[in-house]
Amino acid sequence: MPEKRMLVIDDEAVVLSSCRRIFTAAGFEVVTTDSPRQGLELASGSKFDVILCDWRMPELDGMDVVEMLDKRSPDSAVVMITGFPSVDRATEVMKRGAMDYIGKPFTPEEISATVERALKRKEAEKSKRSAQSFPMPSMEDQAPKTIAETVAQKVGVGKVTSPWLSVLVLGVLAGAYIGFGGMLAATLSFEPGVLGLSFSRFMAGVAFSLGLMLVVIAGAELFTGNNLMISSALAGQIGFGTMALRWTLVYAANFAGSILIAFLYYFTGLWKLADGGLAAAIVRTAYTKVNLSFLEALTRGILCNWLVCLAVWMALASRQIIGKIFAIFFPIMAFIGLGFEHSVANMYLIPEGLLLKAWRGIAGPANFAPESLTWVRFLWKNLLPVTIGNIIGGTVFVGMSYWSAYLRPTAPTKP
């Protein structure tokens, strides 16, 4: 007699037959259905160790089904399977009660490893719950320690299990979204003499926060936010090598998206606003950035991503969009207003300045030679130190700090 029972809810016959074959051979009693409503009834009336649930089905949204399964069959390890994987959806479905997430198509080895991992996490969750004399706080009211656990145990895992093509596409989108923020910030703040420099910086910060809001809420992969994956690596949930490879892929994709949006904006001609005043401001900003010293760029990068990762960190505490907006707005407004350096933002801003430098009538700031704004100086004098600084700011001052405060294993007390 099989030791474990599995329920598979999917509207694709090939997935149902594949799962039945794979897991029957592994010793499971497998029950299948192509109806999410029938699946919920089965989960309510019988005990299952594992429930595999598709996301996109005709009757109900798989995200809602996962949430209902978590309530109707709380002892089951729920795994979402989908042909439309995304990191944002992986994170959200794990918040709603799923133990793991896998994209289609999958191999027998991949789905078996995912189910095994989900069962282990469910057992760990049961043990932790039984040791507590009070219920865990809801996702709408997360304490800092709960956020640290979510980042370490779910967010990083969701990112590395997403297919590389999805990560590539989402990385390009993130570069473009940050470019939109930089574009709006430059447009609204290029005339500081009207209301003063301080108000101009404030407006730039208000506008630029759009970029991270699009990344977090619409869903995209941003290199600087991904620095929080260090918590998952330190917790042993993912490998450091896997993390580094994902960082590299996302960084390259962010660069591609930023360059794309820079060229698209150039061809709009909208930078001719105020008789070229906007273009001149963009070029001056680019000149200033490539003429920072290494130490200036490095420390500004550290402080920048400290705030950016805190914005992402706090946004994870809320399942409501308005809560995410407020969590993102203030740290991002602060880093722009203070003049810190963000590597992905600079992937848009400096190339835009390089494109506009050749337009007649544009000159750099006083004491800056035109030849100082080049692609080589952009990559070597700005992007390199700022990227290093961003990594330090996100990993050390947010990811590692909260891991050390809440998740670091403690040595047993000697009697």
Protein backbone atom coordinates (compact mmCIF):
# COMPACT_ATOMS: atom_id res chain seq x y z
CA MET A 1 0.00 0.00 0.00
CA PRO A 2 1.43 3.45 -0.92
CA GLU A 3 2.83 5.38 2.02
CA LYS A 4 1.98 8.83 0.63
CA ARG A 5 -0.91 10.33 -1.31
CA MET A 6 -0.75 12.99 -4.02
CA LEU A 7 -3.41 15.12 -5.69
CA VAL A 8 -2.67 16.65 -9.12
CA ILE A 9 -4.90 19.49 -10.37
CA ASP A 10 -4.15 20.44 -13.99
CA ASP A 11 -6.22 20.95 -17.14
CA GLU A 12 -3.56 19.33 -19.37
CA ALA A 13 -3.96 15.57 -19.80
CA VAL A 14 -0.25 15.10 -20.56
CA VAL A 15 0.72 16.67 -17.23
CA LEU A 16 -1.76 14.49 -15.34
CA SER A 17 -0.54 11.30 -17.01
CA SER A 18 3.14 12.24 -16.55
CA CYS A 19 2.72 12.98 -12.85
CA ARG A 20 0.71 9.80 -12.33
CA ARG A 21 3.46 7.73 -14.00
CA ILE A 22 6.38 9.45 -12.23
CA PHE A 23 4.96 9.42 -8.73
CA THR A 24 3.19 6.06 -8.84
CA ALA A 25 6.61 4.58 -9.59
CA ALA A 26 7.95 6.55 -6.60
CA GLY A 27 5.41 4.91 -4.24
CA PHE A 28 2.65 7.54 -4.17
CA GLU A 29 -1.06 6.96 -4.51
CA VAL A 30 -1.85 9.56 -7.18
CA VAL A 31 -5.30 11.13 -7.64
CA THR A 32 -5.76 13.44 -10.64
CA THR A 33 -8.40 15.92 -11.81
CA ASP A 34 -8.61 18.55 -14.53
CA SER A 35 -11.13 20.62 -12.53
CA PRO A 36 -9.91 23.03 -9.83
CA ARG A 37 -13.34 22.96 -8.16
CA GLN A 38 -13.27 19.18 -7.94
CA GLY A 39 -9.68 19.41 -6.71
CA LEU A 40 -10.75 21.67 -3.84
CA GLU A 41 -13.53 19.21 -2.94
CA LEU A 42 -11.08 16.30 -2.96
CA ALA A 43 -8.61 18.25 -0.80
CA SER A 44 -11.37 19.08 1.67
CA GLY A 45 -12.64 15.52 1.97
CA SER A 46 -9.41 13.53 2.00
CA LYS A 47 -5.83 13.76 3.24
CA PHE A 48 -3.02 14.33 0.74
CA ASP A 49 0.67 14.67 1.52
CA VAL A 50 1.35 16.62 -1.68
CA ILE A 51 -0.90 18.67 -3.97
CA LEU A 52 0.37 19.79 -7.38
CA CYS A 53 -1.71 22.65 -8.77
CA ASP A 54 -1.58 24.37 -12.17
CA TRP A 55 -1.78 28.17 -12.32
CA ARG A 56 -3.78 28.91 -15.48
CA MET A 57 -7.00 26.87 -15.54
CA PRO A 58 -10.46 27.58 -17.05
CA GLU A 59 -12.58 27.64 -13.88
CA LEU A 60 -10.40 29.32 -11.25
CA ASP A 61 -7.09 31.13 -11.07
CA GLY A 62 -4.42 28.81 -9.69
CA MET A 63 -3.18 31.52 -7.32
CA ASP A 64 -6.60 31.58 -5.63
CA VAL A 65 -6.74 27.79 -5.63
CA VAL A 66 -3.39 27.63 -3.79
CA GLU A 67 -4.67 30.03 -1.15
CA MET A 68 -7.85 27.97 -0.67
CA LEU A 69 -5.86 24.74 -0.53
CA ASP A 70 -3.71 26.21 2.23
CA LYS A 71 -6.90 26.73 4.27
CA ARG A 72 -8.73 23.51 3.38
CA SER A 73 -5.74 21.17 3.52
CA PRO A 74 -3.16 22.90 5.73
CA ASP A 75 -1.06 19.76 6.21
CA SER A 76 -0.49 19.25 2.47
CA ALA A 77 2.69 20.41 0.75
CA VAL A 78 1.35 22.48 -2.17
CA VAL A 79 3.48 22.94 -5.31
CA MET A 80 2.46 25.24 -8.17
CA ILE A 81 3.26 24.11 -11.71
CA THR A 82 2.84 26.48 -14.66
CA GLY A 83 3.78 27.12 -18.23
CA PHE A 84 3.98 30.86 -17.54
CA PRO A 85 6.72 31.17 -14.89
CA SER A 86 7.84 34.47 -13.42
CA VAL A 87 9.85 35.37 -10.34
CA ASP A 88 7.17 37.74 -9.06
CA ARG A 89 4.48 35.06 -9.34
CA ALA A 90 6.75 32.50 -7.66
CA THR A 91 7.24 34.83 -4.73
CA GLU A 92 3.52 35.61 -4.45
CA VAL A 93 2.36 31.99 -4.63
CA MET A 94 4.82 31.00 -1.90
CA LYS A 95 3.47 33.82 0.24
CA ARG A 96 0.00 32.34 -0.19
CA GLY A 97 0.99 28.97 1.17
CA ALA A 98 2.78 26.99 -1.55
CA MET A 99 5.96 25.21 -0.51
CA ASP A 100 7.58 25.36 -3.94
CA TYR A 101 7.11 26.27 -7.58
CA ILE A 102 8.17 24.74 -10.90
CA GLY A 103 7.78 25.82 -14.52
CA LYS A 104 6.70 23.69 -17.47
CA PRO A 105 8.06 21.75 -19.17
CA PHE A 106 9.85 19.78 -16.47
CA THR A 107 11.81 16.54 -16.36
CA PRO A 108 10.97 13.67 -13.99
CA GLU A 109 14.09 14.52 -12.00
CA GLU A 110 13.10 18.17 -11.66
CA ILE A 111 9.53 17.54 -10.51
CA SER A 112 10.68 14.78 -8.13
CA ALA A 113 13.31 17.06 -6.57
CA THR A 114 10.74 19.85 -6.24
CA VAL A 115 8.23 17.58 -4.49
CA GLU A 116 10.90 16.25 -2.13
CA ARG A 117 11.98 19.80 -1.29
CA ALA A 118 8.36 20.86 -0.70
CA LEU A 119 7.76 17.93 1.66
CA LYS A 120 10.84 18.82 3.70
CA ARG A 121 9.75 22.45 3.97
CA LYS A 122 6.25 21.41 5.01
CA GLU A 123 7.66 19.17 7.73
CA ALA A 124 9.89 21.98 8.96
CA GLU A 125 6.89 24.32 9.00
CA LYS A 126 4.81 21.82 10.98
CA SER A 127 7.60 21.35 13.52
CA LYS A 128 7.99 25.07 13.94
CA ARG A 129 4.25 25.59 14.26
CA SER A 130 3.89 22.87 16.89
CA ALA A 131 6.69 24.43 18.93
CA GLN A 132 4.92 27.77 19.07
CA SER A 133 2.20 28.58 21.56
CA PHE A 134 0.87 31.43 19.46
CA PRO A 135 -0.05 31.75 15.74
CA MET A 136 2.32 33.23 13.19
CA PRO A 137 1.53 36.83 12.26
CA SER A 138 -0.39 37.35 9.04
CA MET A 139 1.34 38.39 5.85
CA GLU A 140 -0.28 41.82 6.15
CA ASP A 141 1.44 42.42 9.49
CA GLN A 142 4.94 41.00 9.16
CA ALA A 143 7.56 41.69 11.78
CA PRO A 144 11.17 42.24 10.63
CA LYS A 145 12.12 38.69 11.60
CA THR A 146 9.30 37.28 9.47
CA ILE A 147 10.45 39.35 6.51
CA ALA A 148 13.98 37.98 6.99
CA GLU A 149 12.61 34.42 6.93
CA THR A 150 10.55 35.15 3.82
CA VAL A 151 13.55 36.61 1.98
CA ALA A 152 15.88 33.77 2.97
CA GLN A 153 13.55 30.81 2.56
CA LYS A 154 11.24 31.83 -0.30
CA VAL A 155 12.31 34.85 -2.33
CA GLY A 156 15.83 33.71 -3.22
CA VAL A 157 14.61 30.17 -3.92
CA GLY A 158 11.86 31.49 -6.18
CA LYS A 159 14.37 33.50 -8.18
CA VAL A 160 16.87 30.70 -8.83
CA THR A 161 14.16 28.18 -9.78
CA SER A 162 12.69 30.46 -12.45
CA PRO A 163 13.77 29.55 -16.04
CA TRP A 164 16.71 31.56 -17.35
CA LEU A 165 14.70 32.88 -20.32
CA SER A 166 12.07 34.31 -17.97
CA VAL A 167 14.81 35.93 -15.89
CA LEU A 168 16.39 37.37 -19.05
CA VAL A 169 13.12 38.92 -20.24
CA LEU A 170 12.28 40.27 -16.79
CA GLY A 171 15.79 41.68 -16.49
CA VAL A 172 15.41 43.61 -19.74
CA LEU A 173 12.07 44.95 -18.49
CA ALA A 174 13.65 46.07 -15.21
CA GLY A 175 16.35 48.02 -17.06
CA ALA A 176 13.63 49.72 -19.11
CA TYR A 177 11.48 50.45 -16.03
CA ILE A 178 14.38 52.10 -14.22
CA GLY A 179 15.02 54.04 -17.42
CA PHE A 180 11.44 55.34 -17.35
CA GLY A 181 12.08 56.55 -13.81
CA GLY A 182 15.30 58.28 -14.84
CA MET A 183 13.61 59.81 -17.87
CA LEU A 184 10.78 61.27 -15.78
CA ALA A 185 13.15 62.46 -13.05
CA ALA A 186 15.29 64.37 -15.57
CA THR A 187 12.24 65.94 -17.23
CA LEU A 188 10.73 67.20 -13.98
CA SER A 189 13.93 68.53 -12.41
CA PHE A 190 16.15 69.92 -15.16
CA GLU A 191 15.40 73.60 -14.29
CA PRO A 192 16.49 73.93 -10.64
CA GLY A 193 16.58 77.71 -10.85
CA VAL A 194 12.78 77.94 -10.93
CA LEU A 195 12.06 76.57 -7.44
CA GLY A 196 15.56 75.95 -6.10
CA LEU A 197 17.97 73.03 -6.07
CA SER A 198 16.46 71.30 -3.02
CA PHE A 199 12.96 71.19 -4.48
CA SER A 200 14.38 70.08 -7.83
CA ARG A 201 16.10 67.13 -6.16
CA PHE A 202 12.93 66.30 -4.28
CA MET A 203 10.94 66.23 -7.53
CA ALA A 204 13.58 64.04 -9.13
CA GLY A 205 13.27 61.59 -6.23
CA VAL A 206 9.48 61.59 -6.40
CA ALA A 207 9.59 60.87 -10.13
CA PHE A 208 12.35 58.27 -10.02
CA SER A 209 10.47 56.12 -7.48
CA LEU A 210 8.24 55.15 -10.43
CA GLY A 211 11.04 52.88 -11.67
CA LEU A 212 11.20 50.59 -8.63
CA MET A 213 7.41 50.62 -8.27
CA LEU A 214 7.17 49.20 -11.79
CA VAL A 215 9.84 46.61 -11.01
CA VAL A 216 8.23 45.38 -7.77
CA ILE A 217 4.53 45.68 -8.60
CA ALA A 218 4.47 44.94 -12.35
CA GLY A 219 7.15 42.28 -11.87
CA ALA A 220 10.74 42.42 -13.14
CA GLU A 221 14.27 41.34 -12.19
CA LEU A 222 16.54 44.12 -10.91
CA PHE A 223 20.20 43.43 -10.14
CA THR A 224 20.37 45.70 -7.12
CA GLY A 225 17.27 44.17 -5.53
CA ASN A 226 18.59 40.68 -6.26
CA ASN A 227 21.52 41.39 -3.94
CA LEU A 228 19.11 40.32 -1.17
CA MET A 229 19.54 36.74 -2.43
CA ILE A 230 22.61 36.64 -0.17
CA SER A 231 20.20 35.79 2.69
CA SER A 232 19.08 32.61 0.89
CA ALA A 233 22.69 31.65 0.21
CA LEU A 234 23.72 32.19 3.84
CA ALA A 235 20.70 30.16 4.97
CA GLY A 236 21.80 27.27 2.73
CA GLN A 237 18.70 27.45 0.53
CA ILE A 238 20.67 28.23 -2.66
CA GLY A 239 24.32 27.97 -3.69
CA PHE A 240 26.63 30.97 -3.88
CA GLY A 241 27.65 29.98 -7.41
CA THR A 242 24.02 29.80 -8.55
CA MET A 243 23.39 33.19 -6.98
CA ALA A 244 26.39 34.73 -8.79
CA LEU A 245 25.23 33.33 -12.13
CA ARG A 246 21.74 34.80 -11.65
CA TRP A 247 23.26 38.14 -10.70
CA THR A 248 25.36 38.13 -13.88
CA LEU A 249 22.39 37.25 -16.10
CA VAL A 250 20.17 39.91 -14.54
CA TYR A 251 22.92 42.55 -14.67
CA ALA A 252 23.47 41.96 -18.40
CA ALA A 253 19.72 41.99 -19.04
CA ASN A 254 19.32 45.24 -17.07
CA PHE A 255 22.06 46.80 -19.20
CA ALA A 256 20.32 45.72 -22.41
CA GLY A 257 16.98 47.12 -21.26
CA SER A 258 18.56 50.41 -20.21
CA ILE A 259 20.35 50.88 -23.53
CA LEU A 260 17.13 50.03 -25.38
CA ILE A 261 15.15 52.70 -23.54
CA ALA A 262 17.97 55.23 -24.00
CA PHE A 263 17.88 54.81 -27.78
CA LEU A 264 14.08 54.88 -27.91
CA TYR A 265 14.00 58.12 -25.94
CA TYR A 266 16.70 59.64 -28.14
CA PHE A 267 14.61 59.05 -31.27
CA THR A 268 11.54 60.70 -29.71
CA GLY A 269 13.27 64.10 -29.80
CA LEU A 270 11.58 65.00 -26.51
CA TRP A 271 14.98 65.95 -25.06
CA LYS A 272 14.78 69.16 -27.16
CA LEU A 273 12.42 70.56 -24.54
CA ALA A 274 13.13 74.19 -23.52
CA ASP A 275 15.33 74.80 -26.57
CA GLY A 276 17.58 71.90 -25.66
CA GLY A 277 17.70 72.73 -21.96
CA LEU A 278 16.65 69.21 -21.01
CA ALA A 279 19.31 67.67 -23.25
CA ALA A 280 21.95 69.96 -21.76
CA ALA A 281 20.91 68.92 -18.23
CA ILE A 282 21.16 65.21 -19.13
CA VAL A 283 24.63 65.71 -20.62
CA ARG A 284 25.78 67.66 -17.56
CA THR A 285 24.53 64.88 -15.29
CA ALA A 286 26.44 62.30 -17.33
CA TYR A 287 29.62 64.45 -17.26
CA THR A 288 29.38 64.76 -13.50
CA LYS A 289 28.92 61.02 -12.98
CA VAL A 290 31.90 59.93 -15.08
CA ASN A 291 34.15 62.45 -13.31
CA LEU A 292 33.55 61.18 -9.79
CA SER A 293 36.54 59.71 -7.99
CA PHE A 294 36.52 55.95 -7.40
CA LEU A 295 35.89 56.45 -3.68
CA GLU A 296 33.05 58.90 -4.29
CA ALA A 297 31.33 56.54 -6.73
CA LEU A 298 31.89 53.54 -4.46
CA THR A 299 30.47 55.10 -1.30
CA ARG A 300 27.54 56.65 -3.12
CA GLY A 301 26.80 53.20 -4.54
CA ILE A 302 26.91 51.62 -1.08
CA LEU A 303 24.51 54.15 0.41
CA CYS A 304 22.22 53.95 -2.61
CA ASN A 305 21.61 50.21 -2.54
CA TRP A 306 21.30 50.19 1.22
CA LEU A 307 18.17 52.29 0.68
CA VAL A 308 17.01 50.44 -2.46
CA CYS A 309 17.19 47.03 -0.76
CA LEU A 310 15.38 48.43 2.26
CA ALA A 311 12.63 49.59 -0.10
CA VAL A 312 12.33 46.07 -1.56
CA TRP A 313 12.55 44.57 1.93
CA MET A 314 9.69 46.70 3.25
CA ALA A 315 7.58 46.14 0.13
CA LEU A 316 7.65 42.40 0.86
CA ALA A 317 5.84 43.10 4.13
CA SER A 318 2.66 44.12 2.30
CA ARG A 319 0.34 42.20 0.00
CA GLN A 320 -1.57 45.39 -0.83
CA ILE A 321 -0.35 47.54 -3.71
CA ILE A 322 -0.79 50.78 -1.79
CA GLY A 323 1.43 49.44 0.99
CA LYS A 324 4.13 48.49 -1.52
CA ILE A 325 3.96 51.98 -3.06
CA PHE A 326 4.56 53.73 0.25
CA ALA A 327 7.30 51.27 1.21
CA ILE A 328 9.14 52.02 -2.04
CA PHE A 329 8.51 55.75 -2.31
CA PHE A 330 10.39 57.16 0.67
CA PRO A 331 13.72 55.26 0.41
CA ILE A 332 13.94 55.85 -3.35
CA MET A 333 13.03 59.53 -3.02
CA ALA A 334 15.74 59.76 -0.35
CA PHE A 335 18.52 58.19 -2.41
CA ILE A 336 17.84 60.43 -5.41
CA GLY A 337 17.44 63.54 -3.26
CA LEU A 338 20.72 62.79 -1.50
CA GLY A 339 22.58 62.25 -4.76
CA PHE A 340 23.60 58.59 -4.39
CA GLU A 341 24.58 56.36 -7.34
CA HIS A 342 22.56 53.43 -8.73
CA SER A 343 24.26 51.19 -11.30
CA VAL A 344 21.14 50.35 -13.33
CA ALA A 345 19.93 53.97 -13.32
CA ASN A 346 23.37 54.98 -14.64
CA MET A 347 23.07 52.35 -17.39
CA TYR A 348 20.33 54.60 -18.76
CA LEU A 349 21.41 58.11 -17.71
CA ILE A 350 25.03 58.09 -18.88
CA PRO A 351 24.41 56.41 -22.27
CA GLU A 352 21.62 58.95 -22.82
CA GLY A 353 24.15 61.70 -22.16
CA LEU A 354 26.58 60.05 -24.58
CA LEU A 355 23.91 59.98 -27.28
CA LEU A 356 23.00 63.64 -26.71
CA LYS A 357 26.60 64.90 -26.45
CA ALA A 358 26.91 64.98 -30.22
CA TRP A 359 23.83 67.16 -30.65
CA ARG A 360 24.86 70.72 -31.54
CA GLY A 361 24.62 73.29 -28.83
CA ILE A 362 25.29 70.87 -25.96
CA ALA A 363 28.29 71.58 -23.77
CA GLY A 364 29.52 70.00 -20.56
CA PRO A 365 29.82 71.79 -17.22
CA ALA A 366 32.59 74.28 -16.62
CA ASN A 367 36.07 72.76 -16.27
CA PHE A 368 34.99 69.45 -17.86
CA ALA A 369 36.59 68.62 -21.18
CA PRO A 370 34.14 67.12 -23.73
CA GLU A 371 36.41 64.12 -24.22
CA SER A 372 35.90 63.10 -20.58
CA LEU A 373 32.42 61.76 -21.41
CA THR A 374 33.16 58.49 -23.21
CA TRP A 375 31.96 54.90 -23.08
CA VAL A 376 35.25 53.79 -21.57
CA ARG A 377 35.02 56.33 -18.74
CA PHE A 378 31.38 55.39 -18.20
CA LEU A 379 32.26 51.73 -17.72
CA TRP A 380 35.52 52.20 -15.82
CA LYS A 381 35.07 55.40 -13.82
CA ASN A 382 31.40 55.05 -12.90
CA LEU A 383 29.73 51.71 -13.56
CA LEU A 384 32.48 49.57 -12.03
CA PRO A 385 32.82 51.36 -8.65
CA VAL A 386 29.07 52.02 -8.39
CA THR A 387 28.28 48.34 -9.04
CA ILE A 388 30.77 47.24 -6.39
CA GLY A 389 29.25 49.76 -3.99
CA ASN A 390 25.71 48.59 -4.77
CA ILE A 391 26.69 44.98 -4.03
CA ILE A 392 28.23 45.97 -0.70
CA GLY A 393 25.24 48.12 0.25
CA GLY A 394 22.65 45.45 -0.55
CA THR A 395 24.46 42.33 0.64
CA VAL A 396 26.33 43.58 3.71
CA PHE A 397 24.09 46.29 5.13
CA VAL A 398 20.71 44.67 4.42
CA GLY A 399 20.89 40.97 3.48
CA MET A 400 23.76 39.89 5.74
CA SER A 401 22.80 42.25 8.55
CA TYR A 402 19.25 40.93 8.90
CA TRP A 403 20.40 37.35 8.41
CA SER A 404 22.90 37.85 11.22
CA ALA A 405 20.32 39.51 13.46
CA TYR A 406 17.49 36.98 12.98
CA LEU A 407 18.60 33.82 11.16
CA ARG A 408 22.22 33.12 12.06
CA PRO A 409 22.50 29.72 13.77
CA THR A 410 23.44 30.05 17.41
CA ALA A 411 25.85 27.76 19.18
CA PRO A 412 24.22 25.44 21.74
CA THR A 413 24.50 26.68 25.30
CA LYS A 414 26.90 24.66 27.40
CA PRO A 415 25.43 23.21 30.59
